[in-house]
N, C-alpha and C. Protein backbone atom coordinates (compact mmCIF):
# COMPACT_ATOMS: atom_id res chain seq x y z
N MET A 1 -4.51 268.40 -36.15
CA MET A 1 -4.59 267.29 -35.22
C MET A 1 -3.48 266.27 -35.52
N ASN A 2 -3.29 265.95 -36.77
CA ASN A 2 -2.27 264.98 -37.14
C ASN A 2 -0.88 265.49 -36.79
N ASP A 3 -0.67 266.80 -36.90
CA ASP A 3 0.63 267.37 -36.58
C ASP A 3 0.94 267.18 -35.10
N SER A 4 -0.06 267.35 -34.24
CA SER A 4 0.13 267.17 -32.81
C SER A 4 0.53 265.74 -32.48
N ASN A 5 -0.14 264.77 -33.06
CA ASN A 5 0.20 263.38 -32.82
C ASN A 5 1.58 263.04 -33.37
N PHE A 6 1.93 263.63 -34.50
CA PHE A 6 3.24 263.39 -35.09
C PHE A 6 4.34 263.93 -34.17
N CYS A 7 4.12 265.13 -33.62
CA CYS A 7 5.11 265.72 -32.71
C CYS A 7 5.26 264.87 -31.44
N LYS A 8 4.16 264.35 -30.94
CA LYS A 8 4.23 263.48 -29.77
C LYS A 8 5.06 262.23 -30.09
N MET A 9 4.84 261.68 -31.27
CA MET A 9 5.55 260.47 -31.66
C MET A 9 7.05 260.74 -31.80
N ILE A 10 7.41 261.89 -32.30
CA ILE A 10 8.82 262.24 -32.50
C ILE A 10 9.51 262.40 -31.14
N ARG A 11 8.82 263.05 -30.19
CA ARG A 11 9.41 263.29 -28.87
C ARG A 11 9.36 262.06 -27.98
N MET A 12 8.64 261.06 -28.39
CA MET A 12 8.48 259.86 -27.57
C MET A 12 9.81 259.14 -27.36
N LYS A 13 10.71 259.21 -28.32
CA LYS A 13 11.99 258.50 -28.22
C LYS A 13 12.77 258.97 -27.01
N LYS A 14 12.85 260.27 -26.81
CA LYS A 14 13.62 260.83 -25.70
C LYS A 14 13.00 260.40 -24.36
N THR A 15 11.68 260.45 -24.28
CA THR A 15 11.00 260.07 -23.05
C THR A 15 11.19 258.59 -22.74
N LEU A 16 11.04 257.75 -23.76
CA LEU A 16 11.19 256.32 -23.55
C LEU A 16 12.62 255.95 -23.17
N CYS A 17 13.59 256.60 -23.76
CA CYS A 17 14.99 256.33 -23.41
C CYS A 17 15.27 256.72 -21.95
N ARG A 18 14.75 257.86 -21.54
CA ARG A 18 14.94 258.31 -20.16
C ARG A 18 14.29 257.33 -19.18
N LYS A 19 13.06 256.92 -19.48
CA LYS A 19 12.36 255.98 -18.61
C LYS A 19 13.04 254.62 -18.58
N TYR A 20 13.62 254.21 -19.70
CA TYR A 20 14.33 252.93 -19.75
C TYR A 20 15.56 252.97 -18.84
N LYS A 21 16.29 254.08 -18.88
CA LYS A 21 17.49 254.21 -18.03
C LYS A 21 17.10 254.19 -16.55
N LEU A 22 16.03 254.88 -16.21
CA LEU A 22 15.57 254.87 -14.82
C LEU A 22 15.14 253.46 -14.39
N ALA A 23 14.45 252.76 -15.26
CA ALA A 23 14.00 251.40 -14.94
C ALA A 23 15.19 250.47 -14.79
N ARG A 24 16.19 250.61 -15.64
CA ARG A 24 17.37 249.76 -15.56
C ARG A 24 18.10 249.97 -14.24
N ASN A 25 18.21 251.22 -13.79
CA ASN A 25 18.82 251.51 -12.50
C ASN A 25 17.95 250.98 -11.35
N GLY A 26 16.66 251.06 -11.52
CA GLY A 26 15.73 250.57 -10.49
C GLY A 26 15.80 249.06 -10.32
N ILE A 27 16.10 248.34 -11.39
CA ILE A 27 16.20 246.88 -11.30
C ILE A 27 17.35 246.50 -10.38
N ALA A 28 18.46 247.17 -10.50
CA ALA A 28 19.63 246.86 -9.65
C ALA A 28 19.31 247.14 -8.18
N GLU A 29 18.69 248.28 -7.92
CA GLU A 29 18.33 248.63 -6.54
C GLU A 29 17.32 247.64 -5.98
N SER A 30 16.33 247.26 -6.78
CA SER A 30 15.32 246.31 -6.33
C SER A 30 15.95 244.95 -6.06
N GLY A 31 16.88 244.56 -6.88
CA GLY A 31 17.57 243.28 -6.67
C GLY A 31 18.33 243.26 -5.36
N LYS A 32 19.02 244.36 -5.04
CA LYS A 32 19.76 244.44 -3.79
C LYS A 32 18.80 244.38 -2.59
N ALA A 33 17.69 245.10 -2.68
CA ALA A 33 16.72 245.10 -1.58
C ALA A 33 16.11 243.71 -1.42
N PHE A 34 15.82 243.04 -2.53
CA PHE A 34 15.26 241.69 -2.44
C PHE A 34 16.25 240.73 -1.81
N ASN A 35 17.52 240.84 -2.19
CA ASN A 35 18.53 239.95 -1.62
C ASN A 35 18.67 240.15 -0.12
N ARG A 36 18.62 241.41 0.35
CA ARG A 36 18.69 241.67 1.79
C ARG A 36 17.48 241.07 2.50
N LEU A 37 16.31 241.23 1.91
CA LEU A 37 15.09 240.68 2.50
C LEU A 37 15.12 239.17 2.49
N ASN A 38 15.60 238.59 1.41
CA ASN A 38 15.68 237.14 1.28
C ASN A 38 16.65 236.54 2.30
N GLU A 39 17.74 237.22 2.57
CA GLU A 39 18.70 236.73 3.56
C GLU A 39 18.16 236.85 4.98
N ALA A 40 17.32 237.85 5.23
CA ALA A 40 16.81 238.07 6.58
C ALA A 40 15.64 237.15 6.93
N ALA A 41 14.93 236.64 5.93
CA ALA A 41 13.76 235.80 6.19
C ALA A 41 14.19 234.40 6.62
N PRO A 42 13.48 233.82 7.59
CA PRO A 42 13.80 232.45 8.02
C PRO A 42 13.53 231.44 6.91
N ALA A 43 14.29 230.36 6.89
CA ALA A 43 14.18 229.35 5.83
C ALA A 43 12.81 228.68 5.83
N HIS A 44 12.26 228.39 7.01
CA HIS A 44 10.95 227.72 7.04
C HIS A 44 9.84 228.62 6.50
N SER A 45 9.96 229.93 6.72
CA SER A 45 8.96 230.86 6.18
C SER A 45 9.06 230.92 4.67
N LYS A 46 10.28 230.94 4.14
CA LYS A 46 10.45 230.98 2.68
C LYS A 46 9.86 229.74 2.03
N MET A 47 10.07 228.57 2.65
CA MET A 47 9.51 227.34 2.10
C MET A 47 7.99 227.38 2.12
N GLU A 48 7.42 227.89 3.20
CA GLU A 48 5.96 228.00 3.30
C GLU A 48 5.42 228.97 2.25
N TRP A 49 6.09 230.10 2.06
CA TRP A 49 5.65 231.08 1.07
C TRP A 49 5.70 230.50 -0.34
N LEU A 50 6.76 229.76 -0.65
CA LEU A 50 6.87 229.15 -1.98
C LEU A 50 5.77 228.12 -2.21
N ALA A 51 5.46 227.33 -1.19
CA ALA A 51 4.39 226.34 -1.32
C ALA A 51 3.04 227.02 -1.55
N ARG A 52 2.79 228.09 -0.80
CA ARG A 52 1.52 228.82 -0.97
C ARG A 52 1.45 229.47 -2.34
N GLU A 53 2.59 229.95 -2.84
CA GLU A 53 2.61 230.56 -4.18
C GLU A 53 2.31 229.52 -5.25
N ARG A 54 2.92 228.33 -5.13
CA ARG A 54 2.67 227.27 -6.12
C ARG A 54 1.19 226.89 -6.14
N ILE A 55 0.59 226.78 -4.97
CA ILE A 55 -0.84 226.44 -4.90
C ILE A 55 -1.68 227.53 -5.55
N ALA A 56 -1.36 228.79 -5.27
CA ALA A 56 -2.12 229.91 -5.84
C ALA A 56 -1.98 229.94 -7.36
N GLN A 57 -0.76 229.75 -7.87
CA GLN A 57 -0.54 229.80 -9.30
C GLN A 57 -1.20 228.62 -10.02
N SER A 58 -1.19 227.45 -9.40
CA SER A 58 -1.77 226.28 -10.07
C SER A 58 -3.29 226.31 -10.08
N SER A 59 -3.90 226.95 -9.10
CA SER A 59 -5.37 226.93 -9.04
C SER A 59 -5.99 228.26 -9.45
N ARG A 60 -5.22 229.20 -9.98
CA ARG A 60 -5.77 230.52 -10.31
C ARG A 60 -6.73 230.49 -11.49
N LEU A 61 -6.56 229.55 -12.42
CA LEU A 61 -7.46 229.49 -13.58
C LEU A 61 -8.85 229.01 -13.18
N ASN A 62 -8.91 228.06 -12.28
CA ASN A 62 -10.20 227.52 -11.85
C ASN A 62 -10.83 228.33 -10.73
N ASP A 63 -10.01 228.91 -9.89
CA ASP A 63 -10.50 229.65 -8.73
C ASP A 63 -9.74 230.97 -8.59
N PRO A 64 -10.30 232.06 -9.13
CA PRO A 64 -9.59 233.35 -9.05
C PRO A 64 -9.37 233.81 -7.61
N ALA A 65 -10.17 233.32 -6.67
CA ALA A 65 -9.98 233.71 -5.27
C ALA A 65 -8.67 233.17 -4.70
N ALA A 66 -8.05 232.22 -5.38
CA ALA A 66 -6.76 231.69 -4.92
C ALA A 66 -5.69 232.76 -4.99
N MET A 67 -5.88 233.76 -5.82
CA MET A 67 -4.89 234.84 -5.94
C MET A 67 -4.95 235.81 -4.76
N ASP A 68 -5.92 235.63 -3.88
CA ASP A 68 -5.98 236.45 -2.67
C ASP A 68 -4.77 236.23 -1.79
N GLU A 69 -4.01 235.20 -2.08
CA GLU A 69 -2.78 234.92 -1.34
C GLU A 69 -1.81 236.09 -1.44
N TYR A 70 -1.88 236.82 -2.52
CA TYR A 70 -0.97 237.95 -2.73
C TYR A 70 -1.49 239.25 -2.13
N GLU A 71 -2.65 239.21 -1.52
CA GLU A 71 -3.24 240.39 -0.89
C GLU A 71 -2.42 240.76 0.34
N ILE A 72 -2.21 242.03 0.52
CA ILE A 72 -1.43 242.50 1.67
C ILE A 72 -2.36 242.64 2.86
N ASN A 73 -1.97 242.03 3.97
CA ASN A 73 -2.76 242.09 5.20
C ASN A 73 -1.94 242.83 6.26
N ILE A 74 -2.26 244.09 6.41
CA ILE A 74 -1.56 244.92 7.39
C ILE A 74 -2.57 245.39 8.42
N LYS A 75 -2.23 245.20 9.68
CA LYS A 75 -3.11 245.68 10.74
C LYS A 75 -2.98 247.19 10.83
N LYS A 76 -4.12 247.85 10.96
CA LYS A 76 -4.10 249.31 11.06
C LYS A 76 -3.67 249.71 12.46
N ALA A 77 -2.93 250.79 12.52
CA ALA A 77 -2.51 251.32 13.81
C ALA A 77 -3.71 251.95 14.51
N PRO A 78 -3.73 251.91 15.83
CA PRO A 78 -4.86 252.54 16.53
C PRO A 78 -4.85 254.05 16.33
N SER A 79 -6.04 254.62 16.33
CA SER A 79 -6.15 256.07 16.14
C SER A 79 -5.74 256.79 17.42
N LYS A 80 -5.60 258.09 17.32
CA LYS A 80 -5.20 258.90 18.47
C LYS A 80 -6.25 258.79 19.58
N LYS A 81 -7.52 258.81 19.21
CA LYS A 81 -8.59 258.71 20.21
C LYS A 81 -8.56 257.36 20.91
N GLU A 82 -8.30 256.29 20.15
CA GLU A 82 -8.24 254.96 20.77
C GLU A 82 -7.08 254.87 21.75
N ILE A 83 -5.95 255.46 21.40
CA ILE A 83 -4.80 255.45 22.30
C ILE A 83 -5.11 256.24 23.56
N GLU A 84 -5.73 257.41 23.41
CA GLU A 84 -6.09 258.22 24.58
C GLU A 84 -7.05 257.46 25.48
N LEU A 85 -8.05 256.82 24.88
CA LEU A 85 -9.02 256.06 25.67
C LEU A 85 -8.36 254.91 26.41
N ARG A 86 -7.45 254.22 25.75
CA ARG A 86 -6.74 253.10 26.39
C ARG A 86 -5.90 253.60 27.56
N LEU A 87 -5.21 254.74 27.36
CA LEU A 87 -4.40 255.30 28.45
C LEU A 87 -5.26 255.72 29.64
N LEU A 88 -6.41 256.32 29.34
CA LEU A 88 -7.32 256.71 30.43
C LEU A 88 -7.82 255.48 31.18
N GLU A 89 -8.19 254.44 30.44
CA GLU A 89 -8.69 253.24 31.09
C GLU A 89 -7.62 252.57 31.93
N GLU A 90 -6.39 252.56 31.44
CA GLU A 90 -5.28 251.98 32.20
C GLU A 90 -5.02 252.76 33.48
N SER A 91 -5.06 254.08 33.37
CA SER A 91 -4.78 254.88 34.57
C SER A 91 -5.93 254.77 35.57
N ASN A 92 -7.17 254.66 35.12
CA ASN A 92 -8.30 254.51 36.03
C ASN A 92 -8.37 253.11 36.61
N ALA A 93 -7.92 252.12 35.86
CA ALA A 93 -7.98 250.74 36.33
C ALA A 93 -7.03 250.52 37.50
N ARG A 94 -5.97 251.24 37.55
CA ARG A 94 -5.00 251.06 38.64
C ARG A 94 -5.47 251.66 39.94
N ASN A 95 -6.44 252.57 39.88
CA ASN A 95 -6.93 253.27 41.08
C ASN A 95 -5.77 253.85 41.88
N ALA A 96 -4.93 254.54 41.18
CA ALA A 96 -3.73 255.09 41.79
C ALA A 96 -4.08 256.24 42.71
N ALA A 97 -3.18 256.53 43.60
CA ALA A 97 -3.34 257.68 44.48
C ALA A 97 -3.32 258.94 43.62
N PRO A 98 -3.91 260.03 44.09
CA PRO A 98 -3.95 261.26 43.29
C PRO A 98 -2.59 261.74 42.83
N SER A 99 -1.56 261.50 43.61
CA SER A 99 -0.24 261.95 43.20
C SER A 99 0.34 261.10 42.07
N ARG A 100 -0.22 259.92 41.84
CA ARG A 100 0.29 259.00 40.82
C ARG A 100 -0.58 258.97 39.56
N ARG A 101 -1.58 259.81 39.49
CA ARG A 101 -2.47 259.81 38.33
C ARG A 101 -1.78 260.42 37.13
N SER A 102 -2.25 260.03 35.94
CA SER A 102 -1.66 260.54 34.71
C SER A 102 -2.17 261.94 34.40
N VAL A 103 -1.51 262.59 33.49
CA VAL A 103 -1.89 263.94 33.08
C VAL A 103 -3.29 263.94 32.49
N ALA A 104 -3.60 262.90 31.70
CA ALA A 104 -4.92 262.83 31.07
C ALA A 104 -6.01 262.76 32.13
N THR A 105 -5.76 262.02 33.21
CA THR A 105 -6.75 261.93 34.28
C THR A 105 -6.94 263.28 34.95
N TRP A 106 -5.83 264.00 35.18
CA TRP A 106 -5.94 265.32 35.78
C TRP A 106 -6.73 266.27 34.89
N ILE A 107 -6.48 266.23 33.62
CA ILE A 107 -7.20 267.12 32.70
C ILE A 107 -8.68 266.78 32.65
N SER A 108 -9.00 265.50 32.56
CA SER A 108 -10.41 265.11 32.51
C SER A 108 -11.12 265.45 33.81
N THR A 109 -10.43 265.30 34.94
CA THR A 109 -11.02 265.67 36.22
C THR A 109 -11.25 267.18 36.29
N GLY A 110 -10.27 267.96 35.82
CA GLY A 110 -10.42 269.41 35.80
C GLY A 110 -11.58 269.86 34.93
N LEU A 111 -11.74 269.22 33.77
CA LEU A 111 -12.86 269.57 32.89
C LEU A 111 -14.20 269.21 33.55
N ALA A 112 -14.24 268.09 34.25
CA ALA A 112 -15.48 267.69 34.94
C ALA A 112 -15.83 268.69 36.03
N ILE A 113 -14.82 269.20 36.76
CA ILE A 113 -15.06 270.21 37.80
C ILE A 113 -15.57 271.50 37.18
N GLU A 114 -14.96 271.92 36.07
CA GLU A 114 -15.42 273.14 35.39
C GLU A 114 -16.85 273.00 34.90
N GLU A 115 -17.21 271.85 34.35
CA GLU A 115 -18.59 271.62 33.90
C GLU A 115 -19.56 271.67 35.07
N ALA A 116 -19.13 271.12 36.21
CA ALA A 116 -20.00 271.15 37.40
C ALA A 116 -20.18 272.59 37.88
N GLN A 117 -19.12 273.41 37.84
CA GLN A 117 -19.23 274.81 38.26
C GLN A 117 -20.16 275.59 37.34
N ILE A 118 -20.09 275.31 36.04
CA ILE A 118 -20.94 276.00 35.08
C ILE A 118 -22.40 275.62 35.31
N ALA A 119 -22.62 274.35 35.62
CA ALA A 119 -23.99 273.87 35.84
C ALA A 119 -24.61 274.53 37.06
N LEU A 120 -23.80 274.91 38.06
CA LEU A 120 -24.32 275.58 39.25
C LEU A 120 -24.70 276.96 38.90
C-alpha cells in the first residue's frame, strides 16, 4: 500500500507541471475574452454591476442570501412541443383560407379525418 502512494507522489510532479502550463495558457485566453466582453458592455451596466457586487460582498457575512447576486438567471428556451403548439395556434388564429394554411394545420386536419374514418 505504501509503495502505491509513493509511486503516486513521485509521478505527481509531471502531472502538476502539465496542469500548471495549461492553466497559465488559460489565464491569457481568459484575459483576452474578459477584455473583449468588458469593451462590449455599456458603461452604465458596468457601474451597476460593480455597485451590486460591492453590496453583495459587504453583506455576505451577515446575509448569505446576498451572494445570490452571482446566480446565473437564464431563461429556458421553449421546447419543441411548445413551439409546435404556438405555431398551430398562430395559424388557427388567423383563420386563413385553406390555401394559406400551414403544413402543421394540414397534417393535423389529415389526422383528424383519418381518425373519423376509423371511427366509422
